[in-house]
Protein backbone atom coordinates (compact mmCIF):
# COMPACT_ATOMS: atom_id res chain seq x y z
CA UNK A 1 65.65 121.10 120.04
CA UNK A 2 68.17 118.50 118.88
CA UNK A 3 70.74 119.58 116.33
CA UNK A 4 72.75 117.21 114.19
CA UNK A 5 72.27 113.53 113.63
CA UNK A 6 71.96 110.51 115.88
CA UNK A 7 75.44 109.26 116.81
CA UNK A 8 74.23 105.66 116.30
CA UNK A 9 74.06 106.12 112.54
CA UNK A 10 73.83 103.48 109.82
CA UNK A 11 77.03 102.13 108.34
CA UNK A 12 77.74 100.49 105.01
CA UNK A 13 80.92 98.74 103.84
CA UNK A 14 81.42 97.87 100.21
CA UNK A 15 84.27 96.55 98.12
CA UNK A 16 84.94 99.39 95.66
CA UNK A 17 84.80 97.08 92.64
CA UNK A 18 81.16 96.20 93.36
CA UNK A 19 80.11 99.51 91.85
CA UNK A 20 82.06 99.09 88.62
CA UNK A 21 81.45 97.28 85.35
CA UNK A 22 82.65 93.66 85.55
CA UNK A 23 85.48 94.25 83.07
CA UNK A 24 86.85 97.10 85.22
CA UNK A 25 86.24 95.68 88.71
CA UNK A 26 89.77 94.24 89.02
CA UNK A 27 91.19 97.79 88.85
CA UNK A 28 89.62 98.34 92.29
CA UNK A 29 90.79 95.13 94.00
CA UNK A 30 91.67 95.74 97.64
CA UNK A 31 89.76 99.05 97.79
CA UNK A 32 86.80 99.50 100.17
CA UNK A 33 84.39 102.30 100.97
CA UNK A 34 83.05 102.71 104.51
CA UNK A 35 79.97 104.94 104.52
CA UNK A 36 78.81 106.53 107.76
CA UNK A 37 75.24 107.83 107.94
CA UNK A 38 75.02 107.74 104.11
CA UNK A 39 76.86 111.07 103.92
CA UNK A 40 80.44 110.60 105.11
CA UNK A 41 82.61 108.22 103.07
CA UNK A 42 86.03 106.86 103.92
CA UNK A 43 87.94 105.09 101.15
CA UNK A 44 90.54 102.47 102.00
CA UNK A 45 93.01 102.48 99.13
CA UNK A 46 96.12 100.30 98.70
CA UNK A 47 99.28 102.32 98.07
CA UNK A 48 98.97 103.90 94.64
CA UNK A 49 102.52 102.97 93.69
CA UNK A 50 103.14 106.26 91.93
CA UNK A 51 105.71 108.91 92.73
CA UNK A 52 104.73 112.04 94.60
CA UNK A 53 103.67 114.72 94.15
CA UNK A 54 100.44 113.10 93.04
CA UNK A 55 98.55 114.73 90.21
CA UNK A 56 95.69 114.02 87.84
CA UNK A 57 98.09 115.00 85.05
CA UNK A 58 99.55 111.49 85.13
CA UNK A 59 96.15 109.88 84.46
CA UNK A 60 94.24 109.38 81.21
CA UNK A 61 91.63 112.10 80.63
CA UNK A 62 88.81 109.54 80.64
CA UNK A 63 88.34 107.02 83.44
CA UNK A 64 87.22 104.53 80.78
CA UNK A 65 90.83 104.53 79.58
CA UNK A 66 92.26 103.38 82.92
CA UNK A 67 94.22 100.17 82.55
CA UNK A 68 95.99 99.71 85.91
CA UNK A 69 95.00 99.54 89.57
CA UNK A 70 97.57 102.32 90.24
CA UNK A 71 95.50 104.70 88.12
CA UNK A 72 92.25 103.87 89.93
CA UNK A 73 93.96 104.15 93.31
CA UNK A 74 95.46 107.53 92.54
CA UNK A 75 92.13 108.96 91.36
CA UNK A 76 90.41 107.64 94.48
CA UNK A 77 92.98 109.20 96.83
CA UNK A 78 92.90 112.54 95.03
CA UNK A 79 89.10 112.81 95.01
CA UNK A 80 87.82 110.89 98.06
CA UNK A 81 86.40 112.87 100.95
CA UNK A 82 88.57 110.90 103.36
CA UNK A 83 90.96 108.11 102.47
CA UNK A 84 93.24 105.70 104.27
CA UNK A 85 96.35 104.35 102.57
CA UNK A 86 99.52 102.56 103.69
CA UNK A 87 102.76 104.50 103.76
CA UNK A 88 105.42 103.42 106.27
CA UNK A 89 107.18 106.81 106.17
CA UNK A 90 103.98 108.80 106.81
CA UNK A 91 102.18 106.34 109.10
CA UNK A 92 100.26 108.09 111.87
CA UNK A 93 100.02 111.36 109.95
CA UNK A 94 97.33 112.94 107.83
CA UNK A 95 97.47 115.23 104.84
CA UNK A 96 94.89 117.49 103.24
CA UNK A 97 95.06 118.13 99.51
CA UNK A 98 93.68 120.81 97.25
CA UNK A 99 90.71 119.73 95.13
CA UNK A 100 92.29 118.61 91.81
CA UNK A 101 89.33 119.22 89.49
CA UNK A 102 87.54 122.31 88.27
CA UNK A 103 85.04 123.52 90.88
CA UNK A 104 81.79 125.20 89.90
CA UNK A 105 79.94 124.48 93.14
CA UNK A 106 78.91 126.92 95.80
CA UNK A 107 81.50 127.74 98.43
CA UNK A 108 84.94 126.28 98.69
CA UNK A 109 85.77 122.99 96.97
CA UNK A 110 86.18 119.87 99.09
CA UNK A 111 89.60 119.15 100.60
CA UNK A 112 90.46 115.44 100.22
CA UNK A 113 92.09 114.21 103.42
CA UNK A 114 94.45 111.23 103.54
CA UNK A 115 95.16 109.26 106.73
CA UNK A 116 98.35 107.20 106.54
CA UNK A 117 98.80 103.85 108.27
CA UNK A 118 101.44 101.12 108.23
CA UNK A 119 101.09 98.37 105.63
CA UNK A 120 100.35 95.93 108.48
CA UNK A 121 97.55 98.11 109.82
CA UNK A 122 96.12 98.49 106.33
CA UNK A 123 96.09 94.72 105.84
CA UNK A 124 94.33 94.25 109.20
CA UNK A 125 91.73 96.92 108.37
CA UNK A 126 90.97 95.61 104.89
CA UNK A 127 90.52 92.09 106.30
CA UNK A 128 88.05 93.56 108.78
CA UNK A 129 86.33 95.52 105.99
CA UNK A 130 85.92 92.35 103.96
CA UNK A 131 84.19 90.68 106.93
CA UNK A 132 81.99 93.73 107.56
CA UNK A 133 80.98 93.93 103.90
CA UNK A 134 79.33 90.52 104.19
CA UNK A 135 76.62 91.83 106.52
CA UNK A 136 76.83 95.62 106.14
CA UNK A 137 77.35 95.79 102.39
CA UNK A 138 73.79 96.18 101.20
CA UNK A 139 72.80 99.24 99.21
CA UNK A 140 70.40 100.22 101.99
CA UNK A 141 72.31 98.84 104.97
CA UNK A 142 70.49 99.08 108.29
CA UNK A 143 73.50 98.03 110.35
CA UNK A 144 74.03 100.57 113.13
CA UNK A 145 77.33 101.89 114.45
CA UNK A 146 76.61 100.33 117.85
CA UNK A 147 76.55 96.88 116.22
CA UNK A 148 80.10 97.15 114.86
CA UNK A 149 82.06 99.15 117.46
CA UNK A 150 84.10 96.07 118.39
CA UNK A 151 85.75 95.95 114.97
CA UNK A 152 89.33 97.26 114.70
CA UNK A 153 88.52 99.31 111.60
CA UNK A 154 85.64 101.04 113.40
CA UNK A 155 87.88 101.88 116.36
CA UNK A 156 90.40 103.31 113.89
CA UNK A 157 87.73 105.43 112.20
CA UNK A 158 86.58 106.82 115.52
CA UNK A 159 90.03 107.44 116.98
CA UNK A 160 91.83 108.78 113.90
CA UNK A 161 89.28 110.18 111.48
CA UNK A 162 86.26 111.22 113.51
CA UNK A 163 88.52 112.71 116.21
CA UNK A 164 90.69 114.54 113.67
CA UNK A 165 90.66 118.33 113.51
CA UNK A 166 90.49 117.81 109.73
CA UNK A 167 87.02 116.28 109.96
CA UNK A 168 84.84 118.87 108.27
CA UNK A 169 82.12 120.57 110.32
CA UNK A 170 79.53 119.22 107.87
CA UNK A 171 80.79 115.65 108.38
CA UNK A 172 80.84 116.12 112.16
CA UNK A 173 77.22 117.32 112.19
CA UNK A 174 76.13 114.42 109.98
CA UNK A 175 77.58 112.02 112.54
CA UNK A 176 76.08 113.65 115.61
CA UNK A 177 79.34 115.23 116.72
CA UNK A 178 80.18 118.78 117.61
CA UNK A 179 82.13 120.51 114.84
């Protein structure tokens, strides 16, 4: 009996602003979401430009009141399953945060995980994401992992995120990997 998922899963790459109302889309410029097997999402988020420690306390209570890209970026980093952001001082490291919102779900709340890269790497990856979004950006993308393994951003995902000890067991199983 086979457990887990096929390792040649579907991928989808979307500019984050595509999913927002037109008047708010510019708040998400430069942000991308890379979905693996429709269950594991990695957000690529430009540097939030806000001082650490990061907190939801610095944001308006309602997302409809956001007025700056820094606000949208901070919320994305604090709540994304996995995120990638440029930070020269932390490049090559990863950090796991406590879930910042109230949690009423079963079990433990998610632990957002941030993977830091250099600004140059981030620029290279977002350029690659833009190209990938042109053919793997459909709502029901049928592009398979094996079709995009030559892309630098895919190699990064596999070497840094999917190989990380911080990849959750649930995410690993969804991608046909051993937890």
